Amino acid sequence: MDMTVLGLVCCLATAAPSGTPVAVPGANFSGWETFAAALDTVNPLRSRLRVPTDTPKARPRVIEVSDWYARRLTIHRYTAYGTIPVFAVQWMAGKKLYDESRAAPAWAKTVHRAGATTLAGMFTVNTVTGLWNWWDSRMVAQGRVLRTVHVLSMLTADAAFTYAGAKLSNEAETDASKRRLHRTVALSAMGLTVVSGTAMKLWNR
């Protein structure tokens, strides 16, 4: 807009007495509104670029999970709590086997094998329920990172327990280095399970 046009607009806006409307096609304003309307008349592009101030805010999106989500979560939690005493029994029996090898008492071998079978079943239940609920709640932003880290850490623990039981348990009976590796892998998997489960208990709100 050149200076001549701008001066004309200012004269239109201020020439009339205070409170007297200025003739603007399609409008009837006064004061500052008169000045803005005059500018819009001379430069229509200005009115098209004006940003509305009453844009409605988007409503929060409601995300629903399946009816079985809470049931699976209850099963998952109580099964996880049940692994703690099994871990303790496995550690005691395993320590006896590690220290005495073939000379260890029969109860240690029996308890250790029964504990390994029990843990395999419990981890299977928790893997199924945990993965199912993780997928069911994938669209829920709150706590998504923590849930994903928990799933990945527990899958790692699954793999470690499987390796310790299926591959290293038989070799550990005759090979001292395999016995040490069996103990290291098993205890690492237990520790990872406890840390991951505790994090979910404390921060998954």
N, C-alpha and C. Protein backbone atom coordinates (compact mmCIF):
# COMPACT_ATOMS: atom_id res chain seq x y z
N MET A 1 0.86 -1.18 0.00
CA MET A 1 0.00 0.00 0.00
C MET A 1 0.91 1.24 0.00
N ASP A 2 0.66 2.25 -0.97
CA ASP A 2 1.53 3.42 -1.00
C ASP A 2 1.10 4.41 0.08
N MET A 3 1.92 5.46 0.27
CA MET A 3 1.69 6.41 1.35
C MET A 3 0.42 7.23 1.14
N THR A 4 0.04 7.49 -0.14
CA THR A 4 -1.16 8.28 -0.42
C THR A 4 -2.41 7.56 0.07
N VAL A 5 -2.48 6.25 -0.24
CA VAL A 5 -3.64 5.46 0.18
C VAL A 5 -3.71 5.36 1.68
N LEU A 6 -2.54 5.14 2.33
CA LEU A 6 -2.52 5.01 3.77
C LEU A 6 -2.99 6.29 4.44
N GLY A 7 -2.57 7.46 3.88
CA GLY A 7 -3.02 8.73 4.44
C GLY A 7 -4.51 8.92 4.30
N LEU A 8 -5.05 8.46 3.17
CA LEU A 8 -6.48 8.56 2.96
C LEU A 8 -7.25 7.73 3.97
N VAL A 9 -6.74 6.53 4.24
CA VAL A 9 -7.40 5.66 5.20
C VAL A 9 -7.40 6.28 6.59
N CYS A 10 -6.27 6.86 6.98
CA CYS A 10 -6.18 7.48 8.30
C CYS A 10 -7.13 8.65 8.41
N CYS A 11 -7.28 9.42 7.34
CA CYS A 11 -8.20 10.54 7.36
C CYS A 11 -9.63 10.06 7.51
N LEU A 12 -9.98 8.98 6.81
CA LEU A 12 -11.32 8.43 6.92
C LEU A 12 -11.62 7.97 8.34
N ALA A 13 -10.60 7.43 8.98
CA ALA A 13 -10.81 6.87 10.31
C ALA A 13 -10.92 7.94 11.38
N THR A 14 -10.31 9.13 11.16
CA THR A 14 -10.24 10.12 12.23
C THR A 14 -11.06 11.37 11.95
N ALA A 15 -11.55 11.54 10.72
CA ALA A 15 -12.24 12.77 10.36
C ALA A 15 -13.56 12.90 11.08
N ALA A 16 -14.27 11.84 11.24
CA ALA A 16 -15.58 11.91 11.87
C ALA A 16 -15.43 12.14 13.35
N PRO A 17 -16.41 12.79 13.99
CA PRO A 17 -16.36 12.98 15.45
C PRO A 17 -16.37 11.65 16.17
N SER A 18 -15.91 11.64 17.43
CA SER A 18 -15.85 10.42 18.22
C SER A 18 -17.24 9.82 18.35
N GLY A 19 -17.32 8.52 18.09
CA GLY A 19 -18.58 7.81 18.19
C GLY A 19 -19.39 7.87 16.92
N THR A 20 -18.95 8.65 15.88
CA THR A 20 -19.70 8.73 14.62
C THR A 20 -19.23 7.63 13.70
N PRO A 21 -20.10 6.77 13.22
CA PRO A 21 -19.67 5.69 12.35
C PRO A 21 -19.14 6.21 11.03
N VAL A 22 -18.17 5.54 10.48
CA VAL A 22 -17.66 5.83 9.14
C VAL A 22 -18.27 4.84 8.19
N ALA A 23 -18.67 5.32 7.05
CA ALA A 23 -19.36 4.46 6.08
C ALA A 23 -18.39 3.47 5.50
N VAL A 24 -18.59 2.25 5.85
CA VAL A 24 -17.81 1.13 5.30
C VAL A 24 -18.80 0.14 4.76
N PRO A 25 -18.66 -0.23 3.48
CA PRO A 25 -19.65 -1.14 2.90
C PRO A 25 -19.81 -2.40 3.72
N GLY A 26 -21.07 -2.70 4.08
CA GLY A 26 -21.38 -3.94 4.79
C GLY A 26 -21.02 -3.92 6.24
N ALA A 27 -20.68 -2.76 6.86
CA ALA A 27 -20.28 -2.74 8.27
C ALA A 27 -20.71 -1.44 8.91
N ASN A 28 -20.81 -1.43 10.24
CA ASN A 28 -21.18 -0.23 10.99
C ASN A 28 -20.41 -0.25 12.30
N PHE A 29 -19.18 0.31 12.31
CA PHE A 29 -18.29 0.27 13.47
C PHE A 29 -17.90 1.67 13.86
N SER A 30 -17.19 1.82 14.96
CA SER A 30 -16.68 3.11 15.40
C SER A 30 -15.34 2.91 16.07
N GLY A 31 -14.58 4.01 16.25
CA GLY A 31 -13.31 3.96 16.96
C GLY A 31 -12.29 3.10 16.24
N TRP A 32 -11.59 2.24 17.04
CA TRP A 32 -10.57 1.36 16.46
C TRP A 32 -11.17 0.37 15.48
N GLU A 33 -12.41 -0.09 15.74
CA GLU A 33 -13.05 -1.00 14.80
C GLU A 33 -13.27 -0.32 13.46
N THR A 34 -13.55 1.02 13.49
CA THR A 34 -13.72 1.77 12.25
C THR A 34 -12.42 1.78 11.46
N PHE A 35 -11.33 2.03 12.17
CA PHE A 35 -10.02 2.05 11.50
C PHE A 35 -9.68 0.70 10.88
N ALA A 36 -9.94 -0.42 11.64
CA ALA A 36 -9.65 -1.75 11.13
C ALA A 36 -10.53 -2.07 9.93
N ALA A 37 -11.82 -1.66 10.01
CA ALA A 37 -12.72 -1.92 8.89
C ALA A 37 -12.29 -1.16 7.65
N ALA A 38 -11.81 0.10 7.85
CA ALA A 38 -11.34 0.88 6.71
C ALA A 38 -10.14 0.23 6.06
N LEU A 39 -9.21 -0.27 6.86
CA LEU A 39 -8.05 -0.97 6.31
C LEU A 39 -8.48 -2.20 5.53
N ASP A 40 -9.46 -2.95 6.06
CA ASP A 40 -9.94 -4.13 5.36
C ASP A 40 -10.58 -3.77 4.02
N THR A 41 -11.22 -2.58 3.96
CA THR A 41 -11.86 -2.16 2.72
C THR A 41 -10.83 -1.84 1.66
N VAL A 42 -9.76 -1.12 2.08
CA VAL A 42 -8.73 -0.74 1.12
C VAL A 42 -7.87 -1.93 0.72
N ASN A 43 -7.58 -2.81 1.70
CA ASN A 43 -6.71 -3.96 1.42
C ASN A 43 -7.43 -5.24 1.84
N PRO A 44 -8.22 -5.84 0.95
CA PRO A 44 -8.98 -7.05 1.31
C PRO A 44 -8.10 -8.21 1.74
N LEU A 45 -6.83 -8.22 1.26
CA LEU A 45 -5.94 -9.33 1.60
C LEU A 45 -5.73 -9.40 3.11
N ARG A 46 -5.74 -8.23 3.79
CA ARG A 46 -5.53 -8.21 5.23
C ARG A 46 -6.60 -9.00 5.97
N SER A 47 -7.86 -8.85 5.56
CA SER A 47 -8.94 -9.55 6.25
C SER A 47 -8.88 -11.05 6.00
N ARG A 48 -8.39 -11.43 4.82
CA ARG A 48 -8.30 -12.87 4.54
C ARG A 48 -7.20 -13.53 5.36
N LEU A 49 -6.17 -12.76 5.74
CA LEU A 49 -5.06 -13.33 6.51
C LEU A 49 -5.30 -13.29 8.01
N ARG A 50 -6.39 -12.67 8.43
CA ARG A 50 -6.66 -12.56 9.86
C ARG A 50 -6.92 -13.94 10.46
N VAL A 51 -6.26 -14.23 11.59
CA VAL A 51 -6.38 -15.53 12.24
C VAL A 51 -7.54 -15.49 13.24
N PRO A 52 -8.50 -16.38 13.13
CA PRO A 52 -9.63 -16.37 14.08
C PRO A 52 -9.14 -16.67 15.49
N THR A 53 -9.75 -16.03 16.47
CA THR A 53 -9.34 -16.20 17.87
C THR A 53 -10.22 -17.18 18.62
N ASP A 54 -11.29 -17.64 18.00
CA ASP A 54 -12.22 -18.51 18.70
C ASP A 54 -12.20 -19.93 18.15
N THR A 55 -10.99 -20.38 17.70
CA THR A 55 -10.86 -21.74 17.18
C THR A 55 -11.12 -22.75 18.30
N PRO A 56 -12.05 -23.65 18.14
CA PRO A 56 -12.35 -24.62 19.22
C PRO A 56 -11.19 -25.58 19.44
N LYS A 57 -10.95 -25.94 20.70
CA LYS A 57 -9.89 -26.89 21.04
C LYS A 57 -10.37 -28.31 20.77
N ALA A 58 -9.41 -29.13 20.30
CA ALA A 58 -9.74 -30.52 20.03
C ALA A 58 -10.02 -31.26 21.32
N ARG A 59 -11.04 -32.09 21.32
CA ARG A 59 -11.38 -32.87 22.51
C ARG A 59 -10.41 -34.03 22.68
N PRO A 60 -10.09 -34.40 23.93
CA PRO A 60 -9.22 -35.56 24.15
C PRO A 60 -9.83 -36.82 23.55
N ARG A 61 -8.98 -37.61 22.92
CA ARG A 61 -9.44 -38.84 22.29
C ARG A 61 -9.63 -39.93 23.33
N VAL A 62 -10.78 -40.55 23.31
CA VAL A 62 -11.08 -41.63 24.25
C VAL A 62 -10.62 -42.95 23.63
N ILE A 63 -9.78 -43.68 24.37
CA ILE A 63 -9.25 -44.95 23.89
C ILE A 63 -9.78 -46.07 24.77
N GLU A 64 -10.38 -47.06 24.16
CA GLU A 64 -10.95 -48.17 24.89
C GLU A 64 -10.09 -49.41 24.72
N VAL A 65 -10.00 -50.21 25.78
CA VAL A 65 -9.32 -51.50 25.71
C VAL A 65 -10.38 -52.58 25.88
N SER A 66 -10.01 -53.81 25.59
CA SER A 66 -10.98 -54.89 25.63
C SER A 66 -11.42 -55.19 27.06
N ASP A 67 -12.56 -55.88 27.19
CA ASP A 67 -13.09 -56.22 28.51
C ASP A 67 -12.15 -57.13 29.29
N TRP A 68 -11.35 -57.92 28.59
CA TRP A 68 -10.46 -58.88 29.24
C TRP A 68 -9.13 -58.25 29.68
N TYR A 69 -8.92 -56.99 29.37
CA TYR A 69 -7.65 -56.34 29.72
C TYR A 69 -7.39 -56.42 31.23
N ALA A 70 -8.38 -56.03 32.04
CA ALA A 70 -8.20 -56.04 33.50
C ALA A 70 -8.02 -57.45 34.03
N ARG A 71 -8.73 -58.43 33.45
CA ARG A 71 -8.59 -59.81 33.92
C ARG A 71 -7.18 -60.34 33.63
N ARG A 72 -6.70 -60.07 32.42
CA ARG A 72 -5.34 -60.51 32.07
C ARG A 72 -4.31 -59.81 32.95
N LEU A 73 -4.54 -58.53 33.26
CA LEU A 73 -3.60 -57.80 34.11
C LEU A 73 -3.55 -58.39 35.51
N THR A 74 -4.69 -58.79 36.05
CA THR A 74 -4.73 -59.41 37.38
C THR A 74 -3.96 -60.73 37.38
N ILE A 75 -4.21 -61.56 36.36
CA ILE A 75 -3.49 -62.83 36.24
C ILE A 75 -1.99 -62.58 36.14
N HIS A 76 -1.63 -61.59 35.32
CA HIS A 76 -0.22 -61.27 35.10
C HIS A 76 0.47 -60.84 36.40
N ARG A 77 -0.20 -59.99 37.16
CA ARG A 77 0.40 -59.48 38.39
C ARG A 77 0.58 -60.57 39.44
N TYR A 78 -0.45 -61.37 39.67
CA TYR A 78 -0.33 -62.39 40.71
C TYR A 78 0.65 -63.49 40.32
N THR A 79 0.73 -63.78 39.05
CA THR A 79 1.74 -64.74 38.60
C THR A 79 3.13 -64.18 38.81
N ALA A 80 3.31 -62.89 38.53
CA ALA A 80 4.61 -62.24 38.74
C ALA A 80 4.99 -62.27 40.22
N TYR A 81 4.01 -61.98 41.11
CA TYR A 81 4.30 -62.05 42.55
C TYR A 81 4.72 -63.47 42.95
N GLY A 82 4.09 -64.46 42.33
CA GLY A 82 4.39 -65.85 42.67
C GLY A 82 5.78 -66.30 42.26
N THR A 83 6.40 -65.60 41.30
CA THR A 83 7.75 -66.01 40.88
C THR A 83 8.80 -65.70 41.95
N ILE A 84 8.52 -64.74 42.83
CA ILE A 84 9.53 -64.34 43.81
C ILE A 84 9.90 -65.49 44.76
N PRO A 85 8.94 -66.16 45.41
CA PRO A 85 9.34 -67.30 46.26
C PRO A 85 9.96 -68.44 45.46
N VAL A 86 9.52 -68.63 44.23
CA VAL A 86 10.13 -69.69 43.40
C VAL A 86 11.58 -69.34 43.11
N PHE A 87 11.85 -68.05 42.84
CA PHE A 87 13.24 -67.62 42.66
C PHE A 87 14.08 -67.95 43.88
N ALA A 88 13.54 -67.69 45.06
CA ALA A 88 14.28 -67.92 46.29
C ALA A 88 14.61 -69.41 46.47
N VAL A 89 13.61 -70.27 46.21
CA VAL A 89 13.83 -71.71 46.34
C VAL A 89 14.84 -72.19 45.30
N GLN A 90 14.73 -71.67 44.08
CA GLN A 90 15.67 -72.05 43.02
C GLN A 90 17.09 -71.63 43.38
N TRP A 91 17.23 -70.46 43.97
CA TRP A 91 18.56 -70.01 44.35
C TRP A 91 19.17 -70.93 45.41
N MET A 92 18.39 -71.31 46.42
CA MET A 92 18.91 -72.19 47.47
C MET A 92 19.30 -73.56 46.93
N ALA A 93 18.40 -74.15 46.13
CA ALA A 93 18.71 -75.47 45.56
C ALA A 93 19.87 -75.38 44.58
N GLY A 94 19.86 -74.32 43.77
CA GLY A 94 20.95 -74.16 42.80
C GLY A 94 22.30 -73.96 43.45
N LYS A 95 22.33 -73.22 44.55
CA LYS A 95 23.60 -73.02 45.27
C LYS A 95 24.14 -74.34 45.81
N LYS A 96 23.22 -75.18 46.29
CA LYS A 96 23.65 -76.49 46.79
C LYS A 96 24.25 -77.33 45.67
N LEU A 97 23.62 -77.30 44.50
CA LEU A 97 24.12 -78.04 43.35
C LEU A 97 25.44 -77.45 42.85
N TYR A 98 25.55 -76.12 42.89
CA TYR A 98 26.78 -75.48 42.41
C TYR A 98 27.97 -75.81 43.31
N ASP A 99 27.72 -75.81 44.63
CA ASP A 99 28.81 -76.06 45.57
C ASP A 99 29.22 -77.52 45.61
N GLU A 100 28.25 -78.45 45.48
CA GLU A 100 28.56 -79.86 45.68
C GLU A 100 28.46 -80.70 44.41
N SER A 101 27.94 -80.11 43.35
CA SER A 101 27.84 -80.80 42.05
C SER A 101 27.12 -82.15 42.21
N ARG A 102 27.74 -83.25 41.78
CA ARG A 102 27.08 -84.56 41.83
C ARG A 102 26.89 -85.08 43.25
N ALA A 103 27.65 -84.51 44.19
CA ALA A 103 27.53 -84.95 45.58
C ALA A 103 26.37 -84.24 46.30
N ALA A 104 25.68 -83.38 45.64
CA ALA A 104 24.57 -82.64 46.26
C ALA A 104 23.45 -83.60 46.62
N PRO A 105 22.68 -83.32 47.67
CA PRO A 105 21.58 -84.20 48.09
C PRO A 105 20.49 -84.29 47.01
N ALA A 106 19.73 -85.37 47.07
CA ALA A 106 18.71 -85.61 46.05
C ALA A 106 17.63 -84.54 46.06
N TRP A 107 17.32 -84.02 47.27
CA TRP A 107 16.26 -83.01 47.33
C TRP A 107 16.61 -81.77 46.52
N ALA A 108 17.91 -81.40 46.49
CA ALA A 108 18.33 -80.21 45.75
C ALA A 108 18.07 -80.39 44.26
N LYS A 109 18.39 -81.58 43.74
CA LYS A 109 18.17 -81.84 42.32
C LYS A 109 16.67 -81.84 42.00
N THR A 110 15.89 -82.50 42.87
CA THR A 110 14.44 -82.58 42.63
C THR A 110 13.79 -81.20 42.68
N VAL A 111 14.14 -80.44 43.73
CA VAL A 111 13.55 -79.10 43.89
C VAL A 111 13.97 -78.19 42.75
N HIS A 112 15.22 -78.29 42.34
CA HIS A 112 15.71 -77.41 41.27
C HIS A 112 15.00 -77.71 39.95
N ARG A 113 14.80 -78.97 39.65
CA ARG A 113 14.10 -79.32 38.41
C ARG A 113 12.63 -78.92 38.47
N ALA A 114 12.00 -79.15 39.63
CA ALA A 114 10.59 -78.77 39.78
C ALA A 114 10.43 -77.25 39.70
N GLY A 115 11.38 -76.54 40.29
CA GLY A 115 11.32 -75.08 40.23
C GLY A 115 11.50 -74.56 38.82
N ALA A 116 12.41 -75.20 38.07
CA ALA A 116 12.62 -74.78 36.68
C ALA A 116 11.36 -74.99 35.85
N THR A 117 10.68 -76.12 36.06
CA THR A 117 9.43 -76.40 35.34
C THR A 117 8.34 -75.41 35.72
N THR A 118 8.26 -75.11 37.03
CA THR A 118 7.26 -74.13 37.50
C THR A 118 7.50 -72.75 36.90
N LEU A 119 8.76 -72.32 36.88
CA LEU A 119 9.08 -71.03 36.30
C LEU A 119 8.78 -70.98 34.81
N ALA A 120 9.02 -72.10 34.13
CA ALA A 120 8.72 -72.13 32.69
C ALA A 120 7.23 -71.90 32.44
N GLY A 121 6.38 -72.54 33.27
CA GLY A 121 4.94 -72.35 33.13
C GLY A 121 4.51 -70.93 33.48
N MET A 122 5.07 -70.39 34.56
CA MET A 122 4.70 -69.04 35.00
C MET A 122 5.13 -68.00 33.97
N PHE A 123 6.32 -68.15 33.42
CA PHE A 123 6.79 -67.20 32.42
C PHE A 123 6.00 -67.31 31.12
N THR A 124 5.52 -68.49 30.81
CA THR A 124 4.68 -68.64 29.62
C THR A 124 3.37 -67.87 29.80
N VAL A 125 2.75 -68.04 30.98
CA VAL A 125 1.51 -67.31 31.27
C VAL A 125 1.73 -65.80 31.21
N ASN A 126 2.81 -65.33 31.83
CA ASN A 126 3.05 -63.90 31.86
C ASN A 126 3.48 -63.34 30.51
N THR A 127 4.14 -64.14 29.71
CA THR A 127 4.50 -63.67 28.37
C THR A 127 3.25 -63.48 27.51
N VAL A 128 2.32 -64.44 27.59
CA VAL A 128 1.09 -64.35 26.80
C VAL A 128 0.24 -63.17 27.27
N THR A 129 -0.02 -63.09 28.58
CA THR A 129 -0.87 -62.00 29.09
C THR A 129 -0.21 -60.64 28.92
N GLY A 130 1.11 -60.59 29.13
CA GLY A 130 1.81 -59.32 29.01
C GLY A 130 1.83 -58.80 27.59
N LEU A 131 2.17 -59.66 26.63
CA LEU A 131 2.17 -59.24 25.23
C LEU A 131 0.78 -58.86 24.76
N TRP A 132 -0.22 -59.60 25.18
CA TRP A 132 -1.60 -59.32 24.78
C TRP A 132 -2.04 -57.95 25.28
N ASN A 133 -1.77 -57.67 26.55
CA ASN A 133 -2.16 -56.37 27.11
C ASN A 133 -1.32 -55.23 26.53
N TRP A 134 -0.06 -55.50 26.26
CA TRP A 134 0.78 -54.47 25.64
C TRP A 134 0.22 -54.07 24.27
N TRP A 135 -0.20 -55.04 23.49
CA TRP A 135 -0.78 -54.75 22.18
C TRP A 135 -2.15 -54.08 22.33
N ASP A 136 -2.91 -54.51 23.31
CA ASP A 136 -4.25 -53.95 23.54
C ASP A 136 -4.18 -52.48 23.93
N SER A 137 -3.11 -52.09 24.61
CA SER A 137 -2.98 -50.70 25.09
C SER A 137 -1.97 -49.90 24.27
N ARG A 138 -1.68 -50.33 23.06
CA ARG A 138 -0.65 -49.70 22.25
C ARG A 138 -0.98 -48.24 21.90
N MET A 139 -2.27 -47.87 21.87
CA MET A 139 -2.65 -46.51 21.53
C MET A 139 -2.70 -45.58 22.73
N VAL A 140 -2.50 -46.12 23.93
CA VAL A 140 -2.51 -45.30 25.15
C VAL A 140 -1.12 -44.71 25.34
N ALA A 141 -1.00 -43.38 25.22
CA ALA A 141 0.31 -42.73 25.27
C ALA A 141 0.93 -42.78 26.66
N GLN A 142 0.11 -42.64 27.69
CA GLN A 142 0.63 -42.61 29.07
C GLN A 142 1.25 -43.95 29.44
N GLY A 143 2.54 -43.93 29.79
CA GLY A 143 3.23 -45.15 30.20
C GLY A 143 3.62 -46.07 29.08
N ARG A 144 3.47 -45.64 27.81
CA ARG A 144 3.75 -46.54 26.69
C ARG A 144 5.22 -46.96 26.64
N VAL A 145 6.13 -46.00 26.87
CA VAL A 145 7.56 -46.32 26.83
C VAL A 145 7.92 -47.33 27.91
N LEU A 146 7.40 -47.12 29.13
CA LEU A 146 7.69 -48.03 30.23
C LEU A 146 7.16 -49.43 29.93
N ARG A 147 5.94 -49.51 29.39
CA ARG A 147 5.37 -50.82 29.06
C ARG A 147 6.20 -51.52 27.99
N THR A 148 6.66 -50.76 27.01
CA THR A 148 7.46 -51.36 25.94
C THR A 148 8.80 -51.86 26.46
N VAL A 149 9.44 -51.06 27.31
CA VAL A 149 10.72 -51.49 27.90
C VAL A 149 10.51 -52.74 28.74
N HIS A 150 9.40 -52.79 29.48
CA HIS A 150 9.09 -53.97 30.31
C HIS A 150 8.92 -55.21 29.43
N VAL A 151 8.19 -55.08 28.34
CA VAL A 151 7.99 -56.22 27.44
C VAL A 151 9.32 -56.71 26.88
N LEU A 152 10.16 -55.79 26.42
CA LEU A 152 11.44 -56.18 25.83
C LEU A 152 12.36 -56.83 26.88
N SER A 153 12.37 -56.27 28.09
CA SER A 153 13.22 -56.84 29.13
C SER A 153 12.74 -58.23 29.55
N MET A 154 11.43 -58.43 29.59
CA MET A 154 10.92 -59.75 29.98
C MET A 154 11.12 -60.78 28.87
N LEU A 155 11.06 -60.36 27.62
CA LEU A 155 11.40 -61.29 26.53
C LEU A 155 12.87 -61.69 26.61
N THR A 156 13.71 -60.74 27.01
CA THR A 156 15.13 -61.06 27.21
C THR A 156 15.31 -62.07 28.34
N ALA A 157 14.56 -61.87 29.43
CA ALA A 157 14.62 -62.82 30.54
C ALA A 157 14.11 -64.19 30.11
N ASP A 158 13.05 -64.23 29.31
CA ASP A 158 12.55 -65.49 28.77
C ASP A 158 13.66 -66.24 28.03
N ALA A 159 14.34 -65.52 27.15
CA ALA A 159 15.41 -66.14 26.36
C ALA A 159 16.54 -66.63 27.25
N ALA A 160 16.89 -65.85 28.27
CA ALA A 160 17.97 -66.25 29.18
C ALA A 160 17.61 -67.50 29.97
N PHE A 161 16.39 -67.56 30.51
CA PHE A 161 15.96 -68.75 31.25
C PHE A 161 15.92 -69.98 30.33
N THR A 162 15.45 -69.79 29.12
CA THR A 162 15.39 -70.91 28.18
C THR A 162 16.79 -71.44 27.87
N TYR A 163 17.73 -70.53 27.67
CA TYR A 163 19.11 -70.93 27.39
C TYR A 163 19.72 -71.64 28.59
N ALA A 164 19.47 -71.09 29.79
CA ALA A 164 20.04 -71.71 30.99
C ALA A 164 19.46 -73.09 31.26
N GLY A 165 18.16 -73.25 30.98
CA GLY A 165 17.53 -74.54 31.27
C GLY A 165 17.70 -75.57 30.18
N ALA A 166 17.46 -75.18 28.94
CA ALA A 166 17.50 -76.15 27.84
C ALA A 166 18.91 -76.47 27.38
N LYS A 167 19.81 -75.51 27.46
CA LYS A 167 21.16 -75.72 26.91
C LYS A 167 22.20 -75.98 27.98
N LEU A 168 22.19 -75.20 29.04
CA LEU A 168 23.28 -75.25 30.00
C LEU A 168 23.06 -76.21 31.16
N SER A 169 21.82 -76.58 31.45
CA SER A 169 21.57 -77.39 32.64
C SER A 169 22.25 -78.76 32.56
N ASN A 170 22.17 -79.42 31.42
CA ASN A 170 22.81 -80.74 31.27
C ASN A 170 24.33 -80.62 31.26
N GLU A 171 24.84 -79.60 30.57
CA GLU A 171 26.29 -79.43 30.49
C GLU A 171 26.88 -79.04 31.83
N ALA A 172 26.07 -78.37 32.67
CA ALA A 172 26.57 -77.92 33.97
C ALA A 172 26.89 -79.07 34.91
N GLU A 173 26.31 -80.27 34.66
CA GLU A 173 26.54 -81.40 35.56
C GLU A 173 27.96 -81.94 35.44
N THR A 174 28.60 -81.72 34.30
CA THR A 174 29.94 -82.30 34.09
C THR A 174 31.01 -81.26 33.81
N ASP A 175 30.63 -80.02 33.56
CA ASP A 175 31.60 -78.99 33.17
C ASP A 175 31.49 -77.81 34.14
N ALA A 176 32.58 -77.52 34.84
CA ALA A 176 32.57 -76.44 35.84
C ALA A 176 32.32 -75.08 35.19
N SER A 177 32.89 -74.83 34.02
CA SER A 177 32.71 -73.54 33.36
C SER A 177 31.24 -73.36 32.92
N LYS A 178 30.63 -74.45 32.45
CA LYS A 178 29.21 -74.38 32.08
C LYS A 178 28.33 -74.17 33.31
N ARG A 179 28.77 -74.73 34.44
CA ARG A 179 28.02 -74.57 35.68
C ARG A 179 28.04 -73.10 36.12
N ARG A 180 29.21 -72.48 36.00
CA ARG A 180 29.31 -71.05 36.33
C ARG A 180 28.45 -70.21 35.38
N LEU A 181 28.50 -70.56 34.09
CA LEU A 181 27.71 -69.82 33.11
C LEU A 181 26.21 -70.00 33.37
N HIS A 182 25.82 -71.22 33.71
CA HIS A 182 24.41 -71.50 34.03
C HIS A 182 23.94 -70.63 35.20
N ARG A 183 24.77 -70.56 36.25
CA ARG A 183 24.40 -69.75 37.40
C ARG A 183 24.34 -68.26 37.03
N THR A 184 25.32 -67.79 36.27
CA THR A 184 25.36 -66.37 35.89
C THR A 184 24.15 -65.97 35.06
N VAL A 185 23.81 -66.79 34.08
CA VAL A 185 22.67 -66.48 33.21
C VAL A 185 21.36 -66.51 33.99
N ALA A 186 21.21 -67.54 34.84
CA ALA A 186 19.96 -67.67 35.61
C ALA A 186 19.79 -66.52 36.58
N LEU A 187 20.85 -66.17 37.33
CA LEU A 187 20.75 -65.07 38.28
C LEU A 187 20.54 -63.72 37.58
N SER A 188 21.16 -63.54 36.41
CA SER A 188 20.96 -62.31 35.65
C SER A 188 19.51 -62.18 35.20
N ALA A 189 18.92 -63.31 34.75
CA ALA A 189 17.52 -63.29 34.33
C ALA A 189 16.60 -63.00 35.51
N MET A 190 16.91 -63.57 36.67
CA MET A 190 16.11 -63.28 37.86
C MET A 190 16.19 -61.79 38.22
N GLY A 191 17.41 -61.25 38.21
CA GLY A 191 17.59 -59.85 38.55
C GLY A 191 16.86 -58.93 37.58
N LEU A 192 16.96 -59.22 36.29
CA LEU A 192 16.26 -58.42 35.28
C LEU A 192 14.75 -58.48 35.49
N THR A 193 14.25 -59.65 35.82
CA THR A 193 12.81 -59.80 36.06
C THR A 193 12.35 -58.97 37.24
N VAL A 194 13.10 -59.01 38.35
CA VAL A 194 12.72 -58.27 39.55
C VAL A 194 12.78 -56.76 39.30
N VAL A 195 13.84 -56.29 38.64
CA VAL A 195 13.98 -54.86 38.39
C VAL A 195 12.87 -54.36 37.46
N SER A 196 12.60 -55.11 36.40
CA SER A 196 11.57 -54.70 35.44
C SER A 196 10.19 -54.71 36.08
N GLY A 197 9.90 -55.74 36.86
CA GLY A 197 8.61 -55.81 37.53
C GLY A 197 8.43 -54.72 38.57
N THR A 198 9.50 -54.39 39.31
CA THR A 198 9.43 -53.33 40.31
C THR A 198 9.20 -51.98 39.65
N ALA A 199 9.84 -51.74 38.51
CA ALA A 199 9.64 -50.49 37.79
C ALA A 199 8.18 -50.34 37.34
N MET A 200 7.60 -51.42 36.87
CA MET A 200 6.20 -51.37 36.47
C MET A 200 5.29 -51.10 37.66
N LYS A 201 5.62 -51.70 38.79
CA LYS A 201 4.81 -51.52 40.00
C LYS A 201 4.87 -50.07 40.49
N LEU A 202 6.03 -49.45 40.39
CA LEU A 202 6.22 -48.11 40.94
C LEU A 202 5.72 -47.00 40.00
N TRP A 203 5.94 -47.16 38.71
CA TRP A 203 5.76 -46.02 37.79
C TRP A 203 4.69 -46.21 36.74
N ASN A 204 4.12 -47.38 36.61
CA ASN A 204 3.07 -47.57 35.60
C ASN A 204 1.72 -47.20 36.21
N ARG A 205 1.38 -45.91 36.17
CA ARG A 205 0.14 -45.41 36.77
C ARG A 205 -0.87 -45.09 35.67
